[in-house]
Amino acid sequence: MFKFIGIVLIGGLAGYALGVAAGIFIVNNFSTNVQDKPLELAMTSIFFFGPMGALIGLIIAVVYQLLRRYL
């Protein structure tokens, strides 16, 4: 059980990191904001893309663990 939880948490952390990196890339390349782009970059990547990536990482890790256990 602890291994399951550990792998799921690692998946969530990896998803968060990848989400932040994707957010930085997306805001840098596609934002038309000129006045406070660094603030938009920080807030959007940390508070939107990071949690979305963590959620996706958690879901992928749980599905992987369940499929590995029961198949």
PDB file of N, CA and C in Angstrom:
ATOM      1  N   MET A   1       0.816  -1.198   0.000  1.00  0.00           N
ATOM      2  CA  MET A   1       0.000   0.000   0.000  1.00  0.00           C
ATOM      3  C   MET A   1       0.863   1.267   0.000  1.00  0.00           C
ATOM      4  N   PHE A   2       1.954   1.233   0.799  1.00  0.00           N
ATOM      5  CA  PHE A   2       2.815   2.411   0.840  1.00  0.00           C
ATOM      6  C   PHE A   2       3.545   2.619  -0.486  1.00  0.00           C
ATOM      7  N   LYS A   3       3.870   1.514  -1.146  1.00  0.00           N
ATOM      8  CA  LYS A   3       4.506   1.624  -2.458  1.00  0.00           C
ATOM      9  C   LYS A   3       3.544   2.265  -3.455  1.00  0.00           C
ATOM     10  N   PHE A   4       2.285   1.868  -3.396  1.00  0.00           N
ATOM     11  CA  PHE A   4       1.249   2.437  -4.264  1.00  0.00           C
ATOM     12  C   PHE A   4       1.142   3.944  -4.047  1.00  0.00           C
ATOM     13  N   ILE A   5       1.048   4.352  -2.788  1.00  0.00           N
ATOM     14  CA  ILE A   5       0.930   5.779  -2.458  1.00  0.00           C
ATOM     15  C   ILE A   5       2.183   6.536  -2.878  1.00  0.00           C
ATOM     16  N   GLY A   6       3.353   5.949  -2.648  1.00  0.00           N
ATOM     17  CA  GLY A   6       4.603   6.604  -3.022  1.00  0.00           C
ATOM     18  C   GLY A   6       4.723   6.830  -4.518  1.00  0.00           C
ATOM     19  N   ILE A   7       4.367   5.822  -5.292  1.00  0.00           N
ATOM     20  CA  ILE A   7       4.447   5.961  -6.747  1.00  0.00           C
ATOM     21  C   ILE A   7       3.436   6.979  -7.249  1.00  0.00           C
ATOM     22  N   VAL A   8       2.249   6.995  -6.647  1.00  0.00           N
ATOM     23  CA  VAL A   8       1.237   7.978  -7.048  1.00  0.00           C
ATOM     24  C   VAL A   8       1.701   9.393  -6.706  1.00  0.00           C
ATOM     25  N   LEU A   9       2.304   9.582  -5.534  1.00  0.00           N
ATOM     26  CA  LEU A   9       2.810  10.912  -5.172  1.00  0.00           C
ATOM     27  C   LEU A   9       3.959  11.349  -6.083  1.00  0.00           C
ATOM     28  N   ILE A  10       4.829  10.430  -6.426  1.00  0.00           N
ATOM     29  CA  ILE A  10       5.908  10.761  -7.361  1.00  0.00           C
ATOM     30  C   ILE A  10       5.338  11.136  -8.724  1.00  0.00           C
ATOM     31  N   GLY A  11       4.302  10.421  -9.149  1.00  0.00           N
ATOM     32  CA  GLY A  11       3.635  10.767 -10.406  1.00  0.00           C
ATOM     33  C   GLY A  11       3.019  12.153 -10.358  1.00  0.00           C
ATOM     34  N   GLY A  12       2.423  12.505  -9.208  1.00  0.00           N
ATOM     35  CA  GLY A  12       1.853  13.841  -9.057  1.00  0.00           C
ATOM     36  C   GLY A  12       2.912  14.929  -9.080  1.00  0.00           C
ATOM     37  N   LEU A  13       4.021  14.696  -8.400  1.00  0.00           N
ATOM     38  CA  LEU A  13       5.108  15.685  -8.399  1.00  0.00           C
ATOM     39  C   LEU A  13       5.723  15.843  -9.786  1.00  0.00           C
ATOM     40  N   ALA A  14       5.913  14.729 -10.468  1.00  0.00           N
ATOM     41  CA  ALA A  14       6.455  14.808 -11.829  1.00  0.00           C
ATOM     42  C   ALA A  14       5.479  15.525 -12.755  1.00  0.00           C
ATOM     43  N   GLY A  15       4.189  15.250 -12.588  1.00  0.00           N
ATOM     44  CA  GLY A  15       3.180  15.938 -13.390  1.00  0.00           C
ATOM     45  C   GLY A  15       3.156  17.425 -13.113  1.00  0.00           C
ATOM     46  N   TYR A  16       3.327  17.801 -11.831  1.00  0.00           N
ATOM     47  CA  TYR A  16       3.356  19.225 -11.484  1.00  0.00           C
ATOM     48  C   TYR A  16       4.548  19.905 -12.153  1.00  0.00           C
ATOM     49  N   ALA A  17       5.710  19.275 -12.069  1.00  0.00           N
ATOM     50  CA  ALA A  17       6.911  19.864 -12.673  1.00  0.00           C
ATOM     51  C   ALA A  17       6.762  19.994 -14.188  1.00  0.00           C
ATOM     52  N   LEU A  18       6.228  18.963 -14.823  1.00  0.00           N
ATOM     53  CA  LEU A  18       6.025  19.041 -16.272  1.00  0.00           C
ATOM     54  C   LEU A  18       4.956  20.068 -16.626  1.00  0.00           C
ATOM     55  N   GLY A  19       3.940  20.207 -15.780  1.00  0.00           N
ATOM     56  CA  GLY A  19       2.908  21.211 -16.016  1.00  0.00           C
ATOM     57  C   GLY A  19       3.454  22.626 -15.919  1.00  0.00           C
ATOM     58  N   VAL A  20       4.308  22.861 -14.931  1.00  0.00           N
ATOM     59  CA  VAL A  20       4.926  24.185 -14.799  1.00  0.00           C
ATOM     60  C   VAL A  20       5.815  24.476 -16.006  1.00  0.00           C
ATOM     61  N   ALA A  21       6.597  23.489 -16.428  1.00  0.00           N
ATOM     62  CA  ALA A  21       7.453  23.686 -17.603  1.00  0.00           C
ATOM     63  C   ALA A  21       6.620  23.954 -18.853  1.00  0.00           C
ATOM     64  N   ALA A  22       5.530  23.214 -19.015  1.00  0.00           N
ATOM     65  CA  ALA A  22       4.653  23.446 -20.167  1.00  0.00           C
ATOM     66  C   ALA A  22       4.006  24.822 -20.083  1.00  0.00           C
ATOM     67  N   GLY A  23       3.620  25.246 -18.883  1.00  0.00           N
ATOM     68  CA  GLY A  23       3.028  26.572 -18.710  1.00  0.00           C
ATOM     69  C   GLY A  23       3.999  27.682 -19.061  1.00  0.00           C
ATOM     70  N   ILE A  24       5.241  27.532 -18.644  1.00  0.00           N
ATOM     71  CA  ILE A  24       6.257  28.530 -18.980  1.00  0.00           C
ATOM     72  C   ILE A  24       6.431  28.618 -20.493  1.00  0.00           C
ATOM     73  N   PHE A  25       6.499  27.465 -21.145  1.00  0.00           N
ATOM     74  CA  PHE A  25       6.648  27.444 -22.601  1.00  0.00           C
ATOM     75  C   PHE A  25       5.445  28.090 -23.287  1.00  0.00           C
ATOM     76  N   ILE A  26       4.249  27.732 -22.862  1.00  0.00           N
ATOM     77  CA  ILE A  26       3.033  28.248 -23.506  1.00  0.00           C
ATOM     78  C   ILE A  26       2.903  29.751 -23.318  1.00  0.00           C
ATOM     79  N   VAL A  27       3.115  30.240 -22.097  1.00  0.00           N
ATOM     80  CA  VAL A  27       2.964  31.681 -21.850  1.00  0.00           C
ATOM     81  C   VAL A  27       4.046  32.466 -22.575  1.00  0.00           C
ATOM     82  N   ASN A  28       5.280  31.970 -22.571  1.00  0.00           N
ATOM     83  CA  ASN A  28       6.355  32.682 -23.274  1.00  0.00           C
ATOM     84  C   ASN A  28       6.098  32.794 -24.766  1.00  0.00           C
ATOM     85  N   ASN A  29       5.542  31.769 -25.354  1.00  0.00           N
ATOM     86  CA  ASN A  29       5.412  31.748 -26.808  1.00  0.00           C
ATOM     87  C   ASN A  29       4.077  32.246 -27.332  1.00  0.00           C
ATOM     88  N   PHE A  30       3.024  32.204 -26.536  1.00  0.00           N
ATOM     89  CA  PHE A  30       1.706  32.510 -27.076  1.00  0.00           C
ATOM     90  C   PHE A  30       0.982  33.666 -26.389  1.00  0.00           C
ATOM     91  N   SER A  31       1.546  34.244 -25.349  1.00  0.00           N
ATOM     92  CA  SER A  31       0.882  35.347 -24.657  1.00  0.00           C
ATOM     93  C   SER A  31       1.159  36.666 -25.372  1.00  0.00           C
ATOM     94  N   THR A  32       0.116  37.478 -25.496  1.00  0.00           N
ATOM     95  CA  THR A  32       0.280  38.798 -26.105  1.00  0.00           C
ATOM     96  C   THR A  32       0.402  39.893 -25.051  1.00  0.00           C
ATOM     97  N   ASN A  33       0.436  39.517 -23.788  1.00  0.00           N
ATOM     98  CA  ASN A  33       0.559  40.482 -22.707  1.00  0.00           C
ATOM     99  C   ASN A  33       1.951  41.108 -22.737  1.00  0.00           C
ATOM    100  N   VAL A  34       2.012  42.431 -22.649  1.00  0.00           N
ATOM    101  CA  VAL A  34       3.292  43.127 -22.739  1.00  0.00           C
ATOM    102  C   VAL A  34       3.687  43.738 -21.395  1.00  0.00           C
ATOM    103  N   GLN A  35       2.722  44.175 -20.607  1.00  0.00           N
ATOM    104  CA  GLN A  35       3.021  44.967 -19.419  1.00  0.00           C
ATOM    105  C   GLN A  35       3.574  44.144 -18.267  1.00  0.00           C
ATOM    106  N   ASP A  36       2.944  43.044 -17.920  1.00  0.00           N
ATOM    107  CA  ASP A  36       3.401  42.262 -16.775  1.00  0.00           C
ATOM    108  C   ASP A  36       3.536  40.782 -17.128  1.00  0.00           C
ATOM    109  N   LYS A  37       4.286  40.525 -18.165  1.00  0.00           N
ATOM    110  CA  LYS A  37       4.448  39.148 -18.640  1.00  0.00           C
ATOM    111  C   LYS A  37       5.127  38.246 -17.604  1.00  0.00           C
ATOM    112  N   PRO A  38       6.154  38.710 -16.871  1.00  0.00           N
ATOM    113  CA  PRO A  38       6.743  37.824 -15.856  1.00  0.00           C
ATOM    114  C   PRO A  38       5.751  37.418 -14.763  1.00  0.00           C
ATOM    115  N   LEU A  39       4.884  38.328 -14.374  1.00  0.00           N
ATOM    116  CA  LEU A  39       3.868  37.995 -13.373  1.00  0.00           C
ATOM    117  C   LEU A  39       2.864  37.000 -13.939  1.00  0.00           C
ATOM    118  N   GLU A  40       2.430  37.228 -15.167  1.00  0.00           N
ATOM    119  CA  GLU A  40       1.514  36.290 -15.814  1.00  0.00           C
ATOM    120  C   GLU A  40       2.170  34.919 -15.957  1.00  0.00           C
ATOM    121  N   LEU A  41       3.435  34.914 -16.312  1.00  0.00           N
ATOM    122  CA  LEU A  41       4.175  33.667 -16.469  1.00  0.00           C
ATOM    123  C   LEU A  41       4.206  32.885 -15.156  1.00  0.00           C
ATOM    124  N   ALA A  42       4.539  33.561 -14.073  1.00  0.00           N
ATOM    125  CA  ALA A  42       4.633  32.888 -12.779  1.00  0.00           C
ATOM    126  C   ALA A  42       3.276  32.403 -12.289  1.00  0.00           C
ATOM    127  N   MET A  43       2.286  33.274 -12.309  1.00  0.00           N
ATOM    128  CA  MET A  43       0.980  32.910 -11.763  1.00  0.00           C
ATOM    129  C   MET A  43       0.286  31.836 -12.595  1.00  0.00           C
ATOM    130  N   THR A  44       0.359  31.940 -13.902  1.00  0.00           N
ATOM    131  CA  THR A  44      -0.326  30.969 -14.752  1.00  0.00           C
ATOM    132  C   THR A  44       0.337  29.604 -14.662  1.00  0.00           C
ATOM    133  N   SER A  45       1.654  29.571 -14.678  1.00  0.00           N
ATOM    134  CA  SER A  45       2.320  28.272 -14.659  1.00  0.00           C
ATOM    135  C   SER A  45       2.220  27.603 -13.292  1.00  0.00           C
ATOM    136  N   ILE A  46       2.301  28.369 -12.206  1.00  0.00           N
ATOM    137  CA  ILE A  46       2.270  27.768 -10.874  1.00  0.00           C
ATOM    138  C   ILE A  46       0.853  27.440 -10.417  1.00  0.00           C
ATOM    139  N   PHE A  47      -0.104  28.309 -10.703  1.00  0.00           N
ATOM    140  CA  PHE A  47      -1.450  28.112 -10.171  1.00  0.00           C
ATOM    141  C   PHE A  47      -2.445  27.494 -11.147  1.00  0.00           C
ATOM    142  N   PHE A  48      -2.113  27.357 -12.424  1.00  0.00           N
ATOM    143  CA  PHE A  48      -3.024  26.694 -13.352  1.00  0.00           C
ATOM    144  C   PHE A  48      -2.394  25.446 -13.972  1.00  0.00           C
ATOM    145  N   PHE A  49      -1.290  25.646 -14.700  1.00  0.00           N
ATOM    146  CA  PHE A  49      -0.700  24.518 -15.414  1.00  0.00           C
ATOM    147  C   PHE A  49      -0.063  23.498 -14.470  1.00  0.00           C
ATOM    148  N   GLY A  50       0.516  23.954 -13.373  1.00  0.00           N
ATOM    149  CA  GLY A  50       1.106  23.021 -12.411  1.00  0.00           C
ATOM    150  C   GLY A  50       0.085  22.077 -11.801  1.00  0.00           C
ATOM    151  N   PRO A  51      -0.998  22.600 -11.209  1.00  0.00           N
ATOM    152  CA  PRO A  51      -2.017  21.694 -10.661  1.00  0.00           C
ATOM    153  C   PRO A  51      -2.691  20.817 -11.710  1.00  0.00           C
ATOM    154  N   MET A  52      -2.883  21.339 -12.918  1.00  0.00           N
ATOM    155  CA  MET A  52      -3.472  20.492 -13.964  1.00  0.00           C
ATOM    156  C   MET A  52      -2.519  19.345 -14.316  1.00  0.00           C
ATOM    157  N   GLY A  53      -1.238  19.638 -14.400  1.00  0.00           N
ATOM    158  CA  GLY A  53      -0.254  18.584 -14.658  1.00  0.00           C
ATOM    159  C   GLY A  53      -0.184  17.579 -13.519  1.00  0.00           C
ATOM    160  N   ALA A  54      -0.292  18.070 -12.275  1.00  0.00           N
ATOM    161  CA  ALA A  54      -0.283  17.165 -11.126  1.00  0.00           C
ATOM    162  C   ALA A  54      -1.496  16.245 -11.150  1.00  0.00           C
ATOM    163  N   LEU A  55      -2.651  16.785 -11.487  1.00  0.00           N
ATOM    164  CA  LEU A  55      -3.861  15.966 -11.569  1.00  0.00           C
ATOM    165  C   LEU A  55      -3.729  14.906 -12.657  1.00  0.00           C
ATOM    166  N   ILE A  56      -3.217  15.292 -13.797  1.00  0.00           N
ATOM    167  CA  ILE A  56      -3.015  14.329 -14.884  1.00  0.00           C
ATOM    168  C   ILE A  56      -1.979  13.277 -14.473  1.00  0.00           C
ATOM    169  N   GLY A  57      -0.910  13.708 -13.810  1.00  0.00           N
ATOM    170  CA  GLY A  57       0.102  12.759 -13.340  1.00  0.00           C
ATOM    171  C   GLY A  57      -0.443  11.788 -12.309  1.00  0.00           C
ATOM    172  N   LEU A  58      -1.288  12.285 -11.394  1.00  0.00           N
ATOM    173  CA  LEU A  58      -1.911  11.407 -10.403  1.00  0.00           C
ATOM    174  C   LEU A  58      -2.810  10.375 -11.070  1.00  0.00           C
ATOM    175  N   ILE A  59      -3.614  10.820 -12.012  1.00  0.00           N
ATOM    176  CA  ILE A  59      -4.524   9.900 -12.702  1.00  0.00           C
ATOM    177  C   ILE A  59      -3.740   8.835 -13.463  1.00  0.00           C
ATOM    178  N   ILE A  60      -2.698   9.250 -14.162  1.00  0.00           N
ATOM    179  CA  ILE A  60      -1.888   8.287 -14.914  1.00  0.00           C
ATOM    180  C   ILE A  60      -1.226   7.289 -13.966  1.00  0.00           C
ATOM    181  N   ALA A  61      -0.702   7.768 -12.831  1.00  0.00           N
ATOM    182  CA  ALA A  61      -0.037   6.872 -11.885  1.00  0.00           C
ATOM    183  C   ALA A  61      -1.021   5.887 -11.259  1.00  0.00           C
ATOM    184  N   VAL A  62      -2.214   6.343 -10.911  1.00  0.00           N
ATOM    185  CA  VAL A  62      -3.209   5.445 -10.317  1.00  0.00           C
ATOM    186  C   VAL A  62      -3.652   4.398 -11.327  1.00  0.00           C
ATOM    187  N   VAL A  63      -3.938   4.820 -12.537  1.00  0.00           N
ATOM    188  CA  VAL A  63      -4.361   3.864 -13.567  1.00  0.00           C
ATOM    189  C   VAL A  63      -3.247   2.860 -13.844  1.00  0.00           C
ATOM    190  N   TYR A  64      -2.022   3.329 -13.917  1.00  0.00           N
ATOM    191  CA  TYR A  64      -0.890   2.432 -14.154  1.00  0.00           C
ATOM    192  C   TYR A  64      -0.764   1.411 -13.026  1.00  0.00           C
ATOM    193  N   GLN A  65      -0.853   1.883 -11.783  1.00  0.00           N
ATOM    194  CA  GLN A  65      -0.736   0.974 -10.641  1.00  0.00           C
ATOM    195  C   GLN A  65      -1.863  -0.049 -10.615  1.00  0.00           C
ATOM    196  N   LEU A  66      -3.084   0.381 -10.887  1.00  0.00           N
ATOM    197  CA  LEU A  66      -4.213  -0.544 -10.865  1.00  0.00           C
ATOM    198  C   LEU A  66      -4.133  -1.554 -12.004  1.00  0.00           C
ATOM    199  N   LEU A  67      -3.744  -1.101 -13.183  1.00  0.00           N
ATOM    200  CA  LEU A  67      -3.610  -2.036 -14.302  1.00  0.00           C
ATOM    201  C   LEU A  67      -2.478  -3.028 -14.064  1.00  0.00           C
ATOM    202  N   ARG A  68      -1.405  -2.553 -13.486  1.00  0.00           N
ATOM    203  CA  ARG A  68      -0.273  -3.431 -13.212  1.00  0.00           C
ATOM    204  C   ARG A  68      -0.618  -4.470 -12.147  1.00  0.00           C
ATOM    205  N   ARG A  69      -1.436  -4.075 -11.190  1.00  0.00           N
ATOM    206  CA  ARG A  69      -1.785  -4.972 -10.099  1.00  0.00           C
ATOM    207  C   ARG A  69      -2.787  -6.037 -10.536  1.00  0.00           C
ATOM    208  N   TYR A  70      -3.769  -5.654 -11.342  1.00  0.00           N
ATOM    209  CA  TYR A  70      -4.868  -6.568 -11.652  1.00  0.00           C
ATOM    210  C   TYR A  70      -4.774  -7.240 -13.014  1.00  0.00           C
ATOM    211  N   LEU A  71      -3.828  -6.860 -13.832  1.00  0.00           N
ATOM    212  CA  LEU A  71      -3.707  -7.526 -15.135  1.00  0.00           C
ATOM    213  C   LEU A  71      -2.481  -8.401 -15.198  1.00  0.00           C
TER     214      LEU A  71
END
